[in-house]
Amino acid sequence: MKHDPMSFLPLTEATFLILASLASPKHGYAIMQEVSALSGGAQKLGPGTLYGALTKLLDQELIRRTGESSGEDERRKHYVLTALGRRVVECECARMQSLSELGRKALAAKGEAQ
């Protein structure tokens, strides 16, 4: 299995938001709600998309199942970032920030030239 965080980049928007939502343990429905909230409602995940992504992220060792559940929540599977998953999110944040800064500089330079 790959363990270089950069080898997972770039992430799709959905994958990035799923990973970001798992900074604290969540079950599937809570992940869908968090992704929608983080994206201001722009990204809505269906169950098939979510569970396909979770399976892939488990296989890549970016997330793991956790035993956190209680009461009526007992049957729900909870997921959380692994240390590798956290590094991947951090690297993707840095990559996107760098691209954003480059884009702003390019636009500012073009604006000055006009």
PDB file of N, CA and C in Angstrom:
ATOM      1  N   MET A   1       0.848  -1.192   0.000  1.00  0.00           N
ATOM      2  CA  MET A   1       0.000   0.000   0.000  1.00  0.00           C
ATOM      3  C   MET A   1       0.887   1.247   0.000  1.00  0.00           C
ATOM      4  N   LYS A   2       0.455   2.263  -0.725  1.00  0.00           N
ATOM      5  CA  LYS A   2       1.192   3.524  -0.798  1.00  0.00           C
ATOM      6  C   LYS A   2       1.139   4.238   0.546  1.00  0.00           C
ATOM      7  N   HIS A   3       2.259   4.811   0.926  1.00  0.00           N
ATOM      8  CA  HIS A   3       2.254   5.574   2.173  1.00  0.00           C
ATOM      9  C   HIS A   3       2.803   6.985   2.008  1.00  0.00           C
ATOM     10  N   ASP A   4       3.046   7.403   0.775  1.00  0.00           N
ATOM     11  CA  ASP A   4       3.460   8.773   0.499  1.00  0.00           C
ATOM     12  C   ASP A   4       2.186   9.590   0.282  1.00  0.00           C
ATOM     13  N   PRO A   5       1.883  10.540   1.166  1.00  0.00           N
ATOM     14  CA  PRO A   5       0.633  11.302   1.033  1.00  0.00           C
ATOM     15  C   PRO A   5       0.465  11.958  -0.335  1.00  0.00           C
ATOM     16  N   MET A   6       1.564  12.400  -0.938  1.00  0.00           N
ATOM     17  CA  MET A   6       1.492  13.072  -2.237  1.00  0.00           C
ATOM     18  C   MET A   6       1.015  12.135  -3.344  1.00  0.00           C
ATOM     19  N   SER A   7       1.187  10.835  -3.155  1.00  0.00           N
ATOM     20  CA  SER A   7       0.790   9.884  -4.202  1.00  0.00           C
ATOM     21  C   SER A   7      -0.730   9.782  -4.329  1.00  0.00           C
ATOM     22  N   PHE A   8      -1.469  10.308  -3.374  1.00  0.00           N
ATOM     23  CA  PHE A   8      -2.935  10.260  -3.411  1.00  0.00           C
ATOM     24  C   PHE A   8      -3.545  11.496  -4.072  1.00  0.00           C
ATOM     25  N   LEU A   9      -2.708  12.495  -4.356  1.00  0.00           N
ATOM     26  CA  LEU A   9      -3.198  13.767  -4.874  1.00  0.00           C
ATOM     27  C   LEU A   9      -3.201  13.788  -6.390  1.00  0.00           C
ATOM     28  N   PRO A  10      -4.050  14.576  -6.998  1.00  0.00           N
ATOM     29  CA  PRO A  10      -5.083  15.416  -6.391  1.00  0.00           C
ATOM     30  C   PRO A  10      -6.299  14.575  -5.998  1.00  0.00           C
ATOM     31  N   LEU A  11      -7.022  15.054  -5.009  1.00  0.00           N
ATOM     32  CA  LEU A  11      -8.258  14.409  -4.575  1.00  0.00           C
ATOM     33  C   LEU A  11      -9.434  15.012  -5.323  1.00  0.00           C
ATOM     34  N   THR A  12     -10.467  14.206  -5.524  1.00  0.00           N
ATOM     35  CA  THR A  12     -11.705  14.780  -6.041  1.00  0.00           C
ATOM     36  C   THR A  12     -12.323  15.619  -4.932  1.00  0.00           C
ATOM     37  N   GLU A  13     -13.213  16.508  -5.308  1.00  0.00           N
ATOM     38  CA  GLU A  13     -13.878  17.344  -4.302  1.00  0.00           C
ATOM     39  C   GLU A  13     -14.619  16.484  -3.283  1.00  0.00           C
ATOM     40  N   ALA A  14     -15.340  15.473  -3.765  1.00  0.00           N
ATOM     41  CA  ALA A  14     -16.102  14.611  -2.855  1.00  0.00           C
ATOM     42  C   ALA A  14     -15.170  13.886  -1.890  1.00  0.00           C
ATOM     43  N   THR A  15     -14.084  13.328  -2.398  1.00  0.00           N
ATOM     44  CA  THR A  15     -13.140  12.604  -1.538  1.00  0.00           C
ATOM     45  C   THR A  15     -12.524  13.541  -0.513  1.00  0.00           C
ATOM     46  N   PHE A  16     -12.129  14.732  -0.945  1.00  0.00           N
ATOM     47  CA  PHE A  16     -11.558  15.709  -0.019  1.00  0.00           C
ATOM     48  C   PHE A  16     -12.543  16.035   1.101  1.00  0.00           C
ATOM     49  N   LEU A  17     -13.794  16.279   0.740  1.00  0.00           N
ATOM     50  CA  LEU A  17     -14.795  16.639   1.746  1.00  0.00           C
ATOM     51  C   LEU A  17     -15.103  15.478   2.688  1.00  0.00           C
ATOM     52  N   ILE A  18     -15.128  14.257   2.172  1.00  0.00           N
ATOM     53  CA  ILE A  18     -15.342  13.089   3.033  1.00  0.00           C
ATOM     54  C   ILE A  18     -14.202  12.987   4.034  1.00  0.00           C
ATOM     55  N   LEU A  19     -12.971  13.078   3.546  1.00  0.00           N
ATOM     56  CA  LEU A  19     -11.821  12.989   4.454  1.00  0.00           C
ATOM     57  C   LEU A  19     -11.840  14.128   5.475  1.00  0.00           C
ATOM     58  N   ALA A  20     -12.096  15.341   5.031  1.00  0.00           N
ATOM     59  CA  ALA A  20     -12.130  16.483   5.951  1.00  0.00           C
ATOM     60  C   ALA A  20     -13.206  16.295   7.014  1.00  0.00           C
ATOM     61  N   SER A  21     -14.333  15.709   6.617  1.00  0.00           N
ATOM     62  CA  SER A  21     -15.427  15.511   7.576  1.00  0.00           C
ATOM     63  C   SER A  21     -15.059  14.492   8.648  1.00  0.00           C
ATOM     64  N   LEU A  22     -14.072  13.655   8.358  1.00  0.00           N
ATOM     65  CA  LEU A  22     -13.710  12.586   9.293  1.00  0.00           C
ATOM     66  C   LEU A  22     -12.569  12.964  10.236  1.00  0.00           C
ATOM     67  N   ALA A  23     -12.374  14.255  10.446  1.00  0.00           N
ATOM     68  CA  ALA A  23     -11.408  14.694  11.464  1.00  0.00           C
ATOM     69  C   ALA A  23     -11.859  14.199  12.836  1.00  0.00           C
ATOM     70  N   SER A  24     -13.163  13.993  12.993  1.00  0.00           N
ATOM     71  CA  SER A  24     -13.703  13.343  14.190  1.00  0.00           C
ATOM     72  C   SER A  24     -14.589  12.189  13.709  1.00  0.00           C
ATOM     73  N   PRO A  25     -14.734  11.137  14.517  1.00  0.00           N
ATOM     74  CA  PRO A  25     -15.483   9.954  14.080  1.00  0.00           C
ATOM     75  C   PRO A  25     -16.933  10.274  13.709  1.00  0.00           C
ATOM     76  N   LYS A  26     -17.381   9.653  12.610  1.00  0.00           N
ATOM     77  CA  LYS A  26     -18.762   9.843  12.156  1.00  0.00           C
ATOM     78  C   LYS A  26     -19.253   8.570  11.492  1.00  0.00           C
ATOM     79  N   HIS A  27     -20.570   8.390  11.507  1.00  0.00           N
ATOM     80  CA  HIS A  27     -21.192   7.315  10.745  1.00  0.00           C
ATOM     81  C   HIS A  27     -21.626   7.884   9.401  1.00  0.00           C
ATOM     82  N   GLY A  28     -22.056   7.010   8.505  1.00  0.00           N
ATOM     83  CA  GLY A  28     -22.344   7.405   7.134  1.00  0.00           C
ATOM     84  C   GLY A  28     -23.272   8.587   6.973  1.00  0.00           C
ATOM     85  N   TYR A  29     -24.420   8.568   7.633  1.00  0.00           N
ATOM     86  CA  TYR A  29     -25.377   9.659   7.471  1.00  0.00           C
ATOM     87  C   TYR A  29     -24.788  10.978   7.973  1.00  0.00           C
ATOM     88  N   ALA A  30     -24.037  10.923   9.077  1.00  0.00           N
ATOM     89  CA  ALA A  30     -23.396  12.139   9.609  1.00  0.00           C
ATOM     90  C   ALA A  30     -22.342  12.654   8.633  1.00  0.00           C
ATOM     91  N   ILE A  31     -21.656  11.750   7.929  1.00  0.00           N
ATOM     92  CA  ILE A  31     -20.677  12.177   6.919  1.00  0.00           C
ATOM     93  C   ILE A  31     -21.404  12.918   5.804  1.00  0.00           C
ATOM     94  N   MET A  32     -22.529  12.368   5.326  1.00  0.00           N
ATOM     95  CA  MET A  32     -23.292  13.024   4.257  1.00  0.00           C
ATOM     96  C   MET A  32     -23.737  14.423   4.681  1.00  0.00           C
ATOM     97  N   GLN A  33     -24.198  14.558   5.917  1.00  0.00           N
ATOM     98  CA  GLN A  33     -24.626  15.864   6.429  1.00  0.00           C
ATOM     99  C   GLN A  33     -23.453  16.839   6.527  1.00  0.00           C
ATOM    100  N   GLU A  34     -22.318  16.363   7.025  1.00  0.00           N
ATOM    101  CA  GLU A  34     -21.136  17.215   7.191  1.00  0.00           C
ATOM    102  C   GLU A  34     -20.597  17.674   5.838  1.00  0.00           C
ATOM    103  N   VAL A  35     -20.559  16.774   4.857  1.00  0.00           N
ATOM    104  CA  VAL A  35     -20.092  17.131   3.514  1.00  0.00           C
ATOM    105  C   VAL A  35     -20.980  18.227   2.940  1.00  0.00           C
ATOM    106  N   SER A  36     -22.281  18.076   3.093  1.00  0.00           N
ATOM    107  CA  SER A  36     -23.209  19.096   2.605  1.00  0.00           C
ATOM    108  C   SER A  36     -22.970  20.424   3.323  1.00  0.00           C
ATOM    109  N   ALA A  37     -22.770  20.375   4.629  1.00  0.00           N
ATOM    110  CA  ALA A  37     -22.541  21.597   5.404  1.00  0.00           C
ATOM    111  C   ALA A  37     -21.214  22.257   5.011  1.00  0.00           C
ATOM    112  N   LEU A  38     -20.144  21.461   4.897  1.00  0.00           N
ATOM    113  CA  LEU A  38     -18.831  22.006   4.549  1.00  0.00           C
ATOM    114  C   LEU A  38     -18.844  22.683   3.181  1.00  0.00           C
ATOM    115  N   SER A  39     -19.648  22.133   2.265  1.00  0.00           N
ATOM    116  CA  SER A  39     -19.683  22.667   0.896  1.00  0.00           C
ATOM    117  C   SER A  39     -20.782  23.696   0.695  1.00  0.00           C
ATOM    118  N   GLY A  40     -21.443  24.091   1.768  1.00  0.00           N
ATOM    119  CA  GLY A  40     -22.544  25.045   1.647  1.00  0.00           C
ATOM    120  C   GLY A  40     -23.690  24.492   0.821  1.00  0.00           C
ATOM    121  N   GLY A  41     -23.858  23.176   0.847  1.00  0.00           N
ATOM    122  CA  GLY A  41     -24.934  22.522   0.111  1.00  0.00           C
ATOM    123  C   GLY A  41     -24.601  22.212  -1.339  1.00  0.00           C
ATOM    124  N   ALA A  42     -23.414  22.596  -1.789  1.00  0.00           N
ATOM    125  CA  ALA A  42     -23.031  22.368  -3.193  1.00  0.00           C
ATOM    126  C   ALA A  42     -22.734  20.894  -3.474  1.00  0.00           C
ATOM    127  N   GLN A  43     -22.263  20.170  -2.488  1.00  0.00           N
ATOM    128  CA  GLN A  43     -21.907  18.760  -2.654  1.00  0.00           C
ATOM    129  C   GLN A  43     -22.849  17.903  -1.813  1.00  0.00           C
ATOM    130  N   LYS A  44     -23.672  17.112  -2.473  1.00  0.00           N
ATOM    131  CA  LYS A  44     -24.582  16.203  -1.780  1.00  0.00           C
ATOM    132  C   LYS A  44     -24.240  14.792  -2.212  1.00  0.00           C
ATOM    133  N   LEU A  45     -23.934  13.936  -1.251  1.00  0.00           N
ATOM    134  CA  LEU A  45     -23.547  12.565  -1.545  1.00  0.00           C
ATOM    135  C   LEU A  45     -24.724  11.625  -1.335  1.00  0.00           C
ATOM    136  N   GLY A  46     -24.927  10.730  -2.283  1.00  0.00           N
ATOM    137  CA  GLY A  46     -25.897   9.667  -2.103  1.00  0.00           C
ATOM    138  C   GLY A  46     -25.234   8.507  -1.392  1.00  0.00           C
ATOM    139  N   PRO A  47     -26.031   7.583  -0.848  1.00  0.00           N
ATOM    140  CA  PRO A  47     -25.462   6.439  -0.120  1.00  0.00           C
ATOM    141  C   PRO A  47     -24.509   5.596  -0.970  1.00  0.00           C
ATOM    142  N   GLY A  48     -24.846   5.355  -2.227  1.00  0.00           N
ATOM    143  CA  GLY A  48     -23.983   4.535  -3.080  1.00  0.00           C
ATOM    144  C   GLY A  48     -22.623   5.171  -3.290  1.00  0.00           C
ATOM    145  N   THR A  49     -22.620   6.462  -3.565  1.00  0.00           N
ATOM    146  CA  THR A  49     -21.370   7.200  -3.756  1.00  0.00           C
ATOM    147  C   THR A  49     -20.553   7.192  -2.471  1.00  0.00           C
ATOM    148  N   LEU A  50     -21.221   7.477  -1.358  1.00  0.00           N
ATOM    149  CA  LEU A  50     -20.523   7.543  -0.078  1.00  0.00           C
ATOM    150  C   LEU A  50     -19.902   6.202   0.279  1.00  0.00           C
ATOM    151  N   TYR A  51     -20.687   5.128   0.238  1.00  0.00           N
ATOM    152  CA  TYR A  51     -20.165   3.842   0.695  1.00  0.00           C
ATOM    153  C   TYR A  51     -19.130   3.269  -0.264  1.00  0.00           C
ATOM    154  N   GLY A  52     -19.229   3.600  -1.556  1.00  0.00           N
ATOM    155  CA  GLY A  52     -18.168   3.225  -2.495  1.00  0.00           C
ATOM    156  C   GLY A  52     -16.873   3.938  -2.148  1.00  0.00           C
ATOM    157  N   ALA A  53     -16.977   5.237  -1.846  1.00  0.00           N
ATOM    158  CA  ALA A  53     -15.803   6.024  -1.467  1.00  0.00           C
ATOM    159  C   ALA A  53     -15.211   5.531  -0.149  1.00  0.00           C
ATOM    160  N   LEU A  54     -16.064   5.226   0.827  1.00  0.00           N
ATOM    161  CA  LEU A  54     -15.560   4.747   2.119  1.00  0.00           C
ATOM    162  C   LEU A  54     -14.800   3.430   1.959  1.00  0.00           C
ATOM    163  N   THR A  55     -15.311   2.536   1.118  1.00  0.00           N
ATOM    164  CA  THR A  55     -14.629   1.262   0.873  1.00  0.00           C
ATOM    165  C   THR A  55     -13.243   1.507   0.283  1.00  0.00           C
ATOM    166  N   LYS A  56     -13.165   2.405  -0.689  1.00  0.00           N
ATOM    167  CA  LYS A  56     -11.887   2.735  -1.319  1.00  0.00           C
ATOM    168  C   LYS A  56     -10.932   3.368  -0.310  1.00  0.00           C
ATOM    169  N   LEU A  57     -11.442   4.296   0.504  1.00  0.00           N
ATOM    170  CA  LEU A  57     -10.598   4.972   1.493  1.00  0.00           C
ATOM    171  C   LEU A  57     -10.104   4.003   2.566  1.00  0.00           C
ATOM    172  N   LEU A  58     -10.932   3.024   2.928  1.00  0.00           N
ATOM    173  CA  LEU A  58     -10.502   1.975   3.869  1.00  0.00           C
ATOM    174  C   LEU A  58      -9.373   1.155   3.243  1.00  0.00           C
ATOM    175  N   ASP A  59      -9.549   0.765   1.979  1.00  0.00           N
ATOM    176  CA  ASP A  59      -8.523  -0.021   1.281  1.00  0.00           C
ATOM    177  C   ASP A  59      -7.205   0.739   1.167  1.00  0.00           C
ATOM    178  N   GLN A  60      -7.288   2.052   0.993  1.00  0.00           N
ATOM    179  CA  GLN A  60      -6.091   2.889   0.879  1.00  0.00           C
ATOM    180  C   GLN A  60      -5.493   3.246   2.232  1.00  0.00           C
ATOM    181  N   GLU A  61      -6.147   2.827   3.306  1.00  0.00           N
ATOM    182  CA  GLU A  61      -5.704   3.088   4.679  1.00  0.00           C
ATOM    183  C   GLU A  61      -5.699   4.567   5.027  1.00  0.00           C
ATOM    184  N   LEU A  62      -6.606   5.334   4.391  1.00  0.00           N
ATOM    185  CA  LEU A  62      -6.744   6.754   4.718  1.00  0.00           C
ATOM    186  C   LEU A  62      -7.757   6.959   5.839  1.00  0.00           C
ATOM    187  N   ILE A  63      -8.641   5.992   6.022  1.00  0.00           N
ATOM    188  CA  ILE A  63      -9.599   6.009   7.129  1.00  0.00           C
ATOM    189  C   ILE A  63      -9.620   4.620   7.748  1.00  0.00           C
ATOM    190  N   ARG A  64     -10.208   4.540   8.912  1.00  0.00           N
ATOM    191  CA  ARG A  64     -10.403   3.242   9.567  1.00  0.00           C
ATOM    192  C   ARG A  64     -11.745   3.253  10.276  1.00  0.00           C
ATOM    193  N   ARG A  65     -12.251   2.079  10.522  1.00  0.00           N
ATOM    194  CA  ARG A  65     -13.467   1.980  11.331  1.00  0.00           C
ATOM    195  C   ARG A  65     -13.070   2.156  12.777  1.00  0.00           C
ATOM    196  N   THR A  66     -13.970   2.762  13.525  1.00  0.00           N
ATOM    197  CA  THR A  66     -13.723   2.949  14.947  1.00  0.00           C
ATOM    198  C   THR A  66     -14.893   2.362  15.716  1.00  0.00           C
ATOM    199  N   GLY A  67     -14.663   1.975  16.932  1.00  0.00           N
ATOM    200  CA  GLY A  67     -15.696   1.326  17.725  1.00  0.00           C
ATOM    201  C   GLY A  67     -16.666   2.272  18.387  1.00  0.00           C
ATOM    202  N   GLU A  68     -16.578   3.574  18.091  1.00  0.00           N
ATOM    203  CA  GLU A  68     -17.451   4.539  18.751  1.00  0.00           C
ATOM    204  C   GLU A  68     -18.899   4.375  18.331  1.00  0.00           C
ATOM    205  N   SER A  69     -19.736   3.941  19.242  1.00  0.00           N
ATOM    206  CA  SER A  69     -21.186   3.904  19.028  1.00  0.00           C
ATOM    207  C   SER A  69     -21.844   3.699  20.377  1.00  0.00           C
ATOM    208  N   SER A  70     -23.069   4.162  20.475  1.00  0.00           N
ATOM    209  CA  SER A  70     -23.768   4.028  21.752  1.00  0.00           C
ATOM    210  C   SER A  70     -25.268   4.048  21.523  1.00  0.00           C
ATOM    211  N   GLY A  71     -26.000   3.401  22.392  1.00  0.00           N
ATOM    212  CA  GLY A  71     -27.458   3.422  22.350  1.00  0.00           C
ATOM    213  C   GLY A  71     -28.014   2.946  21.029  1.00  0.00           C
ATOM    214  N   GLU A  72     -28.940   3.727  20.470  1.00  0.00           N
ATOM    215  CA  GLU A  72     -29.578   3.341  19.221  1.00  0.00           C
ATOM    216  C   GLU A  72     -28.631   3.455  18.032  1.00  0.00           C
ATOM    217  N   ASP A  73     -27.476   4.052  18.242  1.00  0.00           N
ATOM    218  CA  ASP A  73     -26.463   4.222  17.209  1.00  0.00           C
ATOM    219  C   ASP A  73     -25.582   2.982  17.067  1.00  0.00           C
ATOM    220  N   GLU A  74     -25.825   1.957  17.886  1.00  0.00           N
ATOM    221  CA  GLU A  74     -24.932   0.822  18.018  1.00  0.00           C
ATOM    222  C   GLU A  74     -24.640   0.084  16.713  1.00  0.00           C
ATOM    223  N   ARG A  75     -25.603  -0.005  15.801  1.00  0.00           N
ATOM    224  CA  ARG A  75     -25.401  -0.767  14.570  1.00  0.00           C
ATOM    225  C   ARG A  75     -24.670   0.035  13.494  1.00  0.00           C
ATOM    226  N   ARG A  76     -24.560   1.320  13.661  1.00  0.00           N
ATOM    227  CA  ARG A  76     -23.897   2.153  12.662  1.00  0.00           C
ATOM    228  C   ARG A  76     -22.387   2.004  12.744  1.00  0.00           C
ATOM    229  N   LYS A  77     -21.778   1.954  11.565  1.00  0.00           N
ATOM    230  CA  LYS A  77     -20.318   1.889  11.510  1.00  0.00           C
ATOM    231  C   LYS A  77     -19.784   3.314  11.527  1.00  0.00           C
ATOM    232  N   HIS A  78     -18.810   3.547  12.371  1.00  0.00           N
ATOM    233  CA  HIS A  78     -18.178   4.861  12.480  1.00  0.00           C
ATOM    234  C   HIS A  78     -16.796   4.804  11.843  1.00  0.00           C
ATOM    235  N   TYR A  79     -16.421   5.908  11.225  1.00  0.00           N
ATOM    236  CA  TYR A  79     -15.141   6.013  10.527  1.00  0.00           C
ATOM    237  C   TYR A  79     -14.395   7.233  11.036  1.00  0.00           C
ATOM    238  N   VAL A  80     -13.069   7.183  10.923  1.00  0.00           N
ATOM    239  CA  VAL A  80     -12.221   8.303  11.328  1.00  0.00           C
ATOM    240  C   VAL A  80     -10.961   8.288  10.474  1.00  0.00           C
ATOM    241  N   LEU A  81     -10.317   9.441  10.328  1.00  0.00           N
ATOM    242  CA  LEU A  81      -9.061   9.534   9.590  1.00  0.00           C
ATOM    243  C   LEU A  81      -7.962   8.734  10.278  1.00  0.00           C
ATOM    244  N   THR A  82      -7.094   8.138   9.486  1.00  0.00           N
ATOM    245  CA  THR A  82      -5.845   7.586  10.012  1.00  0.00           C
ATOM    246  C   THR A  82      -4.811   8.718   9.984  1.00  0.00           C
ATOM    247  N   ALA A  83      -3.642   8.457  10.530  1.00  0.00           N
ATOM    248  CA  ALA A  83      -2.568   9.466  10.471  1.00  0.00           C
ATOM    249  C   ALA A  83      -2.219   9.757   9.012  1.00  0.00           C
ATOM    250  N   LEU A  84      -2.195   8.726   8.177  1.00  0.00           N
ATOM    251  CA  LEU A  84      -1.924   8.930   6.753  1.00  0.00           C
ATOM    252  C   LEU A  84      -3.025   9.774   6.118  1.00  0.00           C
ATOM    253  N   GLY A  85      -4.267   9.488   6.440  1.00  0.00           N
ATOM    254  CA  GLY A  85      -5.386  10.255   5.907  1.00  0.00           C
ATOM    255  C   GLY A  85      -5.289  11.726   6.285  1.00  0.00           C
ATOM    256  N   ARG A  86      -4.914  11.998   7.515  1.00  0.00           N
ATOM    257  CA  ARG A  86      -4.751  13.386   7.964  1.00  0.00           C
ATOM    258  C   ARG A  86      -3.638  14.079   7.173  1.00  0.00           C
ATOM    259  N   ARG A  87      -2.518  13.372   6.926  1.00  0.00           N
ATOM    260  CA  ARG A  87      -1.419  13.950   6.143  1.00  0.00           C
ATOM    261  C   ARG A  87      -1.862  14.225   4.705  1.00  0.00           C
ATOM    262  N   VAL A  88      -2.684  13.341   4.144  1.00  0.00           N
ATOM    263  CA  VAL A  88      -3.190  13.537   2.782  1.00  0.00           C
ATOM    264  C   VAL A  88      -4.043  14.804   2.723  1.00  0.00           C
ATOM    265  N   VAL A  89      -4.927  14.984   3.711  1.00  0.00           N
ATOM    266  CA  VAL A  89      -5.769  16.188   3.741  1.00  0.00           C
ATOM    267  C   VAL A  89      -4.892  17.433   3.881  1.00  0.00           C
ATOM    268  N   GLU A  90      -3.905  17.391   4.750  1.00  0.00           N
ATOM    269  CA  GLU A  90      -3.004  18.533   4.928  1.00  0.00           C
ATOM    270  C   GLU A  90      -2.255  18.853   3.634  1.00  0.00           C
ATOM    271  N   CYS A  91      -1.766  17.826   2.939  1.00  0.00           N
ATOM    272  CA  CYS A  91      -1.049  18.039   1.673  1.00  0.00           C
ATOM    273  C   CYS A  91      -1.975  18.606   0.602  1.00  0.00           C
ATOM    274  N   GLU A  92      -3.214  18.123   0.564  1.00  0.00           N
ATOM    275  CA  GLU A  92      -4.163  18.634  -0.429  1.00  0.00           C
ATOM    276  C   GLU A  92      -4.518  20.090  -0.125  1.00  0.00           C
ATOM    277  N   CYS A  93      -4.658  20.428   1.145  1.00  0.00           N
ATOM    278  CA  CYS A  93      -4.914  21.828   1.522  1.00  0.00           C
ATOM    279  C   CYS A  93      -3.763  22.717   1.062  1.00  0.00           C
ATOM    280  N   ALA A  94      -2.541  22.282   1.301  1.00  0.00           N
ATOM    281  CA  ALA A  94      -1.371  23.063   0.890  1.00  0.00           C
ATOM    282  C   ALA A  94      -1.309  23.191  -0.626  1.00  0.00           C
ATOM    283  N   ARG A  95      -1.610  22.109  -1.345  1.00  0.00           N
ATOM    284  CA  ARG A  95      -1.592  22.131  -2.806  1.00  0.00           C
ATOM    285  C   ARG A  95      -2.623  23.115  -3.341  1.00  0.00           C
ATOM    286  N   MET A  96      -3.840  23.049  -2.798  1.00  0.00           N
ATOM    287  CA  MET A  96      -4.899  23.946  -3.269  1.00  0.00           C
ATOM    288  C   MET A  96      -4.594  25.404  -2.917  1.00  0.00           C
ATOM    289  N   GLN A  97      -4.019  25.643  -1.741  1.00  0.00           N
ATOM    290  CA  GLN A  97      -3.656  27.007  -1.350  1.00  0.00           C
ATOM    291  C   GLN A  97      -2.597  27.556  -2.294  1.00  0.00           C
ATOM    292  N   SER A  98      -1.617  26.735  -2.631  1.00  0.00           N
ATOM    293  CA  SER A  98      -0.562  27.161  -3.545  1.00  0.00           C
ATOM    294  C   SER A  98      -1.139  27.504  -4.915  1.00  0.00           C
ATOM    295  N   LEU A  99      -2.035  26.660  -5.417  1.00  0.00           N
ATOM    296  CA  LEU A  99      -2.681  26.932  -6.704  1.00  0.00           C
ATOM    297  C   LEU A  99      -3.500  28.220  -6.655  1.00  0.00           C
ATOM    298  N   SER A 100      -4.205  28.407  -5.553  1.00  0.00           N
ATOM    299  CA  SER A 100      -5.014  29.609  -5.390  1.00  0.00           C
ATOM    300  C   SER A 100      -4.139  30.866  -5.416  1.00  0.00           C
ATOM    301  N   GLU A 101      -3.017  30.823  -4.712  1.00  0.00           N
ATOM    302  CA  GLU A 101      -2.101  31.960  -4.687  1.00  0.00           C
ATOM    303  C   GLU A 101      -1.521  32.222  -6.074  1.00  0.00           C
ATOM    304  N   LEU A 102      -1.165  31.162  -6.783  1.00  0.00           N
ATOM    305  CA  LEU A 102      -0.634  31.328  -8.148  1.00  0.00           C
ATOM    306  C   LEU A 102      -1.677  31.958  -9.062  1.00  0.00           C
ATOM    307  N   GLY A 103      -2.910  31.493  -8.946  1.00  0.00           N
ATOM    308  CA  GLY A 103      -3.986  32.054  -9.761  1.00  0.00           C
ATOM    309  C   GLY A 103      -4.213  33.527  -9.471  1.00  0.00           C
ATOM    310  N   ARG A 104      -4.210  33.892  -8.197  1.00  0.00           N
ATOM    311  CA  ARG A 104      -4.399  35.292  -7.820  1.00  0.00           C
ATOM    312  C   ARG A 104      -3.270  36.173  -8.355  1.00  0.00           C
ATOM    313  N   LYS A 105      -2.033  35.664  -8.247  1.00  0.00           N
ATOM    314  CA  LYS A 105      -0.886  36.422  -8.758  1.00  0.00           C
ATOM    315  C   LYS A 105      -0.998  36.608 -10.270  1.00  0.00           C
ATOM    316  N   ALA A 106      -1.379  35.548 -10.972  1.00  0.00           N
ATOM    317  CA  ALA A 106      -1.507  35.632 -12.429  1.00  0.00           C
ATOM    318  C   ALA A 106      -2.599  36.635 -12.822  1.00  0.00           C
ATOM    319  N   LEU A 107      -3.720  36.608 -12.123  1.00  0.00           N
ATOM    320  CA  LEU A 107      -4.805  37.543 -12.427  1.00  0.00           C
ATOM    321  C   LEU A 107      -4.413  38.979 -12.092  1.00  0.00           C
ATOM    322  N   ALA A 108      -3.709  39.153 -10.985  1.00  0.00           N
ATOM    323  CA  ALA A 108      -3.275  40.504 -10.607  1.00  0.00           C
ATOM    324  C   ALA A 108      -2.282  41.047 -11.627  1.00  0.00           C
ATOM    325  N   ALA A 109      -1.387  40.206 -12.110  1.00  0.00           N
ATOM    326  CA  ALA A 109      -0.398  40.638 -13.116  1.00  0.00           C
ATOM    327  C   ALA A 109      -1.107  41.011 -14.425  1.00  0.00           C
ATOM    328  N   LYS A 110      -2.109  40.247 -14.811  1.00  0.00           N
ATOM    329  CA  LYS A 110      -2.861  40.544 -16.031  1.00  0.00           C
ATOM    330  C   LYS A 110      -3.663  41.840 -15.868  1.00  0.00           C
ATOM    331  N   GLY A 111      -4.182  42.054 -14.664  1.00  0.00           N
ATOM    332  CA  GLY A 111      -4.950  43.268 -14.393  1.00  0.00           C
ATOM    333  C   GLY A 111      -4.087  44.511 -14.463  1.00  0.00           C
ATOM    334  N   GLU A 112      -2.829  44.403 -14.013  1.00  0.00           N
ATOM    335  CA  GLU A 112      -1.903  45.537 -14.052  1.00  0.00           C
ATOM    336  C   GLU A 112      -1.487  45.856 -15.482  1.00  0.00           C
ATOM    337  N   ALA A 113      -1.422  44.838 -16.328  1.00  0.00           N
ATOM    338  CA  ALA A 113      -0.955  45.015 -17.701  1.00  0.00           C
ATOM    339  C   ALA A 113      -2.028  45.660 -18.585  1.00  0.00           C
ATOM    340  N   GLN A 114      -3.264  45.639 -18.143  1.00  0.00           N
ATOM    341  CA  GLN A 114      -4.349  46.191 -18.992  1.00  0.00           C
ATOM    342  C   GLN A 114      -4.538  47.656 -18.807  1.00  0.00           C
TER     343      GLN A 114
END
